[in-house]
C-alpha cells in the first residue's frame, strides 16, 4: 500500500469521519511511529505504526450504512458533553464501532439520518458538488401565500448570501398552520427554520422524510435499518451523475 494522508486512513478504519480525523490531528492525538503527527502528514499502515489516543489503528471495518429515523431531542453526534441522548445511543453496542452521522439533523428536528463507519462515504454524501437532495415535511405557523412560497423557492438571503433554489409546495392547511413539502440541495445550519422565520412563518415541526432516493417509508421513529444493496447502488449512481 502506498502512503496516504492520515485523515483518510483513520476514516477508512472506521474510527470517525475524515473531518473529525482532521480535528484529532490538529489536537495532537495521532502518532506515527511514536511521533506526534500533524494535518497533512502521510503514512503506510503496512509499515508504520499509527496510533489514535494511544490505540493502534486497526484494519478497515466492513462498510456499513444505516438509515435511522431520529426522534426529536436526540443529538446528531457520537457523544455529547452535556450528557444528552445521541443517535449512537439508539444503535446496538455491537454495531457502534466507527459509526458516525452523515451530516446533521438538529436536535429539535426528526426524521431520516444516515450513519456510516466509512469516512469516504460521508465525504461523498455531504460534499456540495454532489448536491444530493433532502426532502422534508415542515409544519409552519400561518398560511404562506403563493408569493411567499415563490420567494422561498427562488432563494432567501441568510448571512448575506441567498439560499440556493428549493422546491416548496403546500400539502395541507389548517386554521392557523400549514404543512409544506420542502426539497433542498444544500444544507446550511438550521436553514429551513431560519428561512421560515424570515418569511414570517415559524416552524412548528420539521421532519426529514428522505435523503436522495432513500426514503423513511414505514420505519418507526427511534428505529434503524441497514441500507439494501440497491439503495447503496442508487446513491453511487446519483453521485456519478452529479460528478460527470
Protein backbone atom coordinates (compact mmCIF):
# COMPACT_ATOMS: atom_id res chain seq x y z
CA UNK A 1 0.00 0.00 0.00
CA UNK A 2 1.31 3.49 -0.84
CA UNK A 3 1.46 6.29 1.69
CA UNK A 4 -1.83 8.09 2.27
CA UNK A 5 -2.98 11.06 4.29
CA UNK A 6 -3.63 10.12 7.91
CA UNK A 7 -7.16 11.51 7.99
CA UNK A 8 -8.07 9.19 5.12
CA UNK A 9 -6.56 6.15 6.85
CA UNK A 10 -8.29 6.96 10.15
CA UNK A 11 -11.65 7.38 8.43
CA UNK A 12 -11.18 4.16 6.44
CA UNK A 13 -10.52 2.31 9.70
CA UNK A 14 -13.98 3.36 10.85
CA UNK A 15 -12.86 5.44 13.82
CA UNK A 16 -14.58 8.64 12.72
CA UNK A 17 -15.30 10.84 9.72
CA UNK A 18 -12.43 12.39 7.77
CA UNK A 19 -13.37 15.83 9.10
CA UNK A 20 -13.23 14.58 12.70
CA UNK A 21 -9.92 12.87 11.94
CA UNK A 22 -8.53 16.24 10.88
CA UNK A 23 -9.57 17.62 14.28
CA UNK A 24 -7.76 14.73 16.02
CA UNK A 25 -4.63 15.60 14.07
CA UNK A 26 -4.89 19.28 14.98
CA UNK A 27 -5.27 18.30 18.64
CA UNK A 28 -2.12 16.18 18.55
CA UNK A 29 -3.96 12.94 19.31
CA UNK A 30 -2.41 10.94 16.44
CA UNK A 31 1.09 9.43 16.42
CA UNK A 32 3.06 7.70 13.69
CA UNK A 33 5.94 5.55 14.94
CA UNK A 34 5.61 7.26 18.35
CA UNK A 35 5.95 10.77 16.85
CA UNK A 36 3.00 13.15 17.06
CA UNK A 37 1.59 13.70 13.58
CA UNK A 38 0.03 16.79 12.10
CA UNK A 39 -2.53 17.67 9.49
CA UNK A 40 -1.21 16.77 6.04
CA UNK A 41 1.12 14.01 7.25
CA UNK A 42 1.05 10.65 5.48
CA UNK A 43 1.78 7.05 6.44
CA UNK A 44 1.72 3.50 5.12
CA UNK A 45 -0.30 1.30 7.51
CA UNK A 46 1.64 -1.77 6.33
CA UNK A 47 4.95 -0.47 7.67
CA UNK A 48 4.09 2.41 10.03
CA UNK A 49 2.55 2.16 13.49
CA UNK A 50 -0.36 4.60 13.61
CA UNK A 51 -1.99 5.36 16.98
CA UNK A 52 -5.06 7.41 17.85
CA UNK A 53 -5.26 8.36 21.53
CA UNK A 54 -2.63 5.71 22.21
CA UNK A 55 -4.50 2.89 20.49
CA UNK A 56 -3.12 1.25 17.34
CA UNK A 57 -5.10 1.86 14.19
CA UNK A 58 -6.97 -1.31 13.29
CA UNK A 59 -7.73 -2.59 9.83
CA UNK A 60 -10.58 -1.03 7.93
CA UNK A 61 -14.04 -2.17 9.03
CA UNK A 62 -16.55 -3.67 6.67
CA UNK A 63 -18.53 -0.79 5.13
CA UNK A 64 -21.81 -0.17 6.93
CA UNK A 65 -24.54 2.33 6.10
CA UNK A 66 -27.64 2.66 8.28
CA UNK A 67 -30.83 4.67 7.99
CA UNK A 68 -32.13 5.99 11.31
CA UNK A 69 -35.46 7.65 12.00
CA UNK A 70 -34.20 10.17 14.56
CA UNK A 71 -36.66 11.33 17.22
CA UNK A 72 -36.86 14.95 18.33
CA UNK A 73 -34.47 15.73 21.19
CA UNK A 74 -31.77 13.25 20.14
CA UNK A 75 -28.41 14.82 19.22
CA UNK A 76 -26.79 14.07 15.84
CA UNK A 77 -23.39 13.37 17.34
CA UNK A 78 -21.28 10.45 18.56
CA UNK A 79 -21.13 11.88 22.08
CA UNK A 80 -22.42 14.88 23.99
CA UNK A 81 -20.57 16.68 26.83
CA UNK A 82 -23.94 17.66 28.34
CA UNK A 83 -24.98 14.02 28.64
CA UNK A 84 -27.89 14.26 26.21
CA UNK A 85 -29.01 11.21 24.23
CA UNK A 86 -27.19 10.83 20.92
CA UNK A 87 -28.00 8.92 17.74
CA UNK A 88 -25.44 6.26 18.67
CA UNK A 89 -27.44 5.50 21.82
CA UNK A 90 -30.18 4.20 19.50
CA UNK A 91 -27.83 1.68 17.84
CA UNK A 92 -26.86 -1.66 19.47
CA UNK A 93 -23.48 -1.51 21.18
CA UNK A 94 -22.07 -4.28 18.98
CA UNK A 95 -22.65 -2.20 15.83
CA UNK A 96 -21.45 1.21 17.05
CA UNK A 97 -17.73 0.87 16.37
CA UNK A 98 -16.71 3.64 13.98
CA UNK A 99 -20.27 4.74 13.24
CA UNK A 100 -20.90 8.46 12.86
CA UNK A 101 -23.75 10.52 11.41
CA UNK A 102 -23.57 11.60 7.78
CA UNK A 103 -24.32 15.31 8.05
CA UNK A 104 -26.57 16.63 10.77
CA UNK A 105 -30.19 16.98 11.79
CA UNK A 106 -30.66 19.48 14.60
CA UNK A 107 -31.93 18.34 17.97
CA UNK A 108 -35.35 19.92 17.54
CA UNK A 109 -35.92 18.10 14.23
CA UNK A 110 -36.71 14.47 13.50
CA UNK A 111 -36.56 12.01 10.65
CA UNK A 112 -34.09 10.47 8.21
CA UNK A 113 -30.40 10.40 9.16
CA UNK A 114 -27.70 8.18 7.69
CA UNK A 115 -24.88 6.71 9.77
CA UNK A 116 -21.77 5.01 8.43
CA UNK A 117 -18.38 3.73 9.54
CA UNK A 118 -16.68 4.88 6.35
CA UNK A 119 -15.31 8.42 6.18
CA UNK A 120 -15.08 8.28 2.39
CA UNK A 121 -18.81 7.63 2.17
CA UNK A 122 -19.51 10.59 4.44
CA UNK A 123 -17.44 12.86 2.20
CA UNK A 124 -19.21 11.61 -0.93
CA UNK A 125 -22.66 12.14 0.57
CA UNK A 126 -22.04 15.58 2.10
CA UNK A 127 -19.75 17.30 -0.42
CA UNK A 128 -21.63 20.18 -2.12
CA UNK A 129 -20.52 19.13 -5.61
CA UNK A 130 -22.78 16.05 -5.47
CA UNK A 131 -25.88 18.08 -4.45
CA UNK A 132 -27.88 15.21 -3.00
CA UNK A 133 -31.48 16.24 -2.37
CA UNK A 134 -33.12 16.11 1.05
CA UNK A 135 -36.91 16.07 1.44
CA UNK A 136 -38.79 17.48 4.44
CA UNK A 137 -42.32 17.81 5.76
CA UNK A 138 -42.49 21.13 7.56
CA UNK A 139 -45.37 22.33 9.74
CA UNK A 140 -45.35 26.13 9.91
CA UNK A 141 -47.47 28.74 11.63
CA UNK A 142 -50.00 30.50 9.41
CA UNK A 143 -50.63 30.02 5.71
CA UNK A 144 -47.90 31.17 3.31
CA UNK A 145 -49.15 32.91 0.19
CA UNK A 146 -48.08 31.84 -3.28
CA UNK A 147 -45.79 34.86 -3.40
CA UNK A 148 -44.14 33.76 -0.15
CA UNK A 149 -43.66 30.21 -1.41
CA UNK A 150 -42.12 31.59 -4.60
CA UNK A 151 -39.68 33.67 -2.57
CA UNK A 152 -38.65 30.55 -0.67
CA UNK A 153 -38.23 28.62 -3.94
CA UNK A 154 -36.12 31.34 -5.54
CA UNK A 155 -33.84 31.93 -2.56
CA UNK A 156 -33.85 33.89 0.69
CA UNK A 157 -30.83 35.80 1.95
CA UNK A 158 -29.16 34.29 5.02
CA UNK A 159 -25.99 35.86 6.40
CA UNK A 160 -25.70 37.98 3.28
CA UNK A 161 -25.85 35.04 0.86
CA UNK A 162 -29.05 33.84 -0.85
CA UNK A 163 -30.07 30.23 -0.44
CA UNK A 164 -29.98 28.02 -3.49
CA UNK A 165 -33.27 27.36 -5.34
CA UNK A 166 -35.56 24.98 -3.48
CA UNK A 167 -38.77 23.11 -4.19
CA UNK A 168 -41.55 24.18 -1.82
CA UNK A 169 -45.20 23.18 -2.06
CA UNK A 170 -48.27 23.42 0.17
CA UNK A 171 -49.57 20.00 1.20
CA UNK A 172 -52.26 20.93 3.70
CA UNK A 173 -53.53 23.96 5.59
CA UNK A 174 -55.46 24.24 8.84
CA UNK A 175 -56.87 27.04 10.97
CA UNK A 176 -53.53 28.66 11.77
CA UNK A 177 -50.90 26.30 10.43
CA UNK A 178 -49.78 24.69 7.17
CA UNK A 179 -47.93 21.58 6.14
CA UNK A 180 -45.26 22.13 3.48
CA UNK A 181 -43.06 19.85 1.45
CA UNK A 182 -39.55 21.24 1.06
CA UNK A 183 -36.75 19.77 -1.07
CA UNK A 184 -33.24 21.20 -0.64
CA UNK A 185 -29.91 20.53 -2.33
CA UNK A 186 -27.83 22.40 0.23
CA UNK A 187 -27.65 22.18 3.98
CA UNK A 188 -26.82 25.34 5.89
CA UNK A 189 -27.17 25.34 9.65
CA UNK A 190 -30.88 25.30 10.60
CA UNK A 191 -31.64 26.56 7.11
CA UNK A 192 -35.34 25.69 6.91
CA UNK A 193 -36.09 27.17 10.33
CA UNK A 194 -34.20 30.37 9.56
CA UNK A 195 -35.87 30.84 6.16
CA UNK A 196 -39.32 30.15 7.62
CA UNK A 197 -38.67 32.71 10.37
CA UNK A 198 -37.51 35.27 7.81
CA UNK A 199 -40.72 34.77 5.82
CA UNK A 200 -42.94 35.16 8.88
CA UNK A 201 -43.98 31.51 9.26
CA UNK A 202 -42.04 29.90 12.14
CA UNK A 203 -41.56 26.14 12.09
CA UNK A 204 -43.75 24.12 14.44
CA UNK A 205 -42.46 20.69 13.41
CA UNK A 206 -39.77 19.56 10.99
CA UNK A 207 -39.34 16.01 9.71
CA UNK A 208 -36.81 14.88 7.10
CA UNK A 209 -38.51 12.13 5.11
CA UNK A 210 -35.85 11.27 2.53
CA UNK A 211 -32.17 11.67 1.72
CA UNK A 212 -31.65 11.45 -2.01
CA UNK A 213 -33.63 8.35 -3.05
CA UNK A 214 -33.50 6.82 0.46
CA UNK A 215 -36.98 7.22 1.97
CA UNK A 216 -38.05 6.61 5.58
CA UNK A 217 -41.09 4.67 4.43
CA UNK A 218 -42.68 2.87 7.39
CA UNK A 219 -39.54 2.89 9.57
CA UNK A 220 -40.77 3.80 13.10
CA UNK A 221 -39.28 6.74 14.98
CA UNK A 222 -36.25 5.71 17.02
CA UNK A 223 -35.62 2.65 14.82
CA UNK A 224 -32.96 1.95 12.18
CA UNK A 225 -32.22 -0.44 9.34
CA UNK A 226 -29.30 -1.36 7.09
CA UNK A 227 -29.49 0.02 3.57
CA UNK A 228 -30.09 -2.56 0.88
CA UNK A 229 -27.63 -3.21 -1.94
CA UNK A 230 -29.95 -1.47 -4.41
CA UNK A 231 -30.08 1.61 -2.16
CA UNK A 232 -26.27 1.70 -1.98
CA UNK A 233 -26.13 1.45 -5.75
CA UNK A 234 -28.72 4.19 -6.23
CA UNK A 235 -26.63 6.63 -4.17
CA UNK A 236 -23.49 5.71 -6.11
CA UNK A 237 -25.27 6.22 -9.43
CA UNK A 238 -26.60 9.61 -8.35
CA UNK A 239 -23.13 10.59 -7.18
CA UNK A 240 -21.61 9.65 -10.52
CA UNK A 241 -24.29 11.53 -12.46
CA UNK A 242 -23.69 14.68 -10.41
CA UNK A 243 -19.91 14.49 -10.87
CA UNK A 244 -20.00 13.76 -14.61
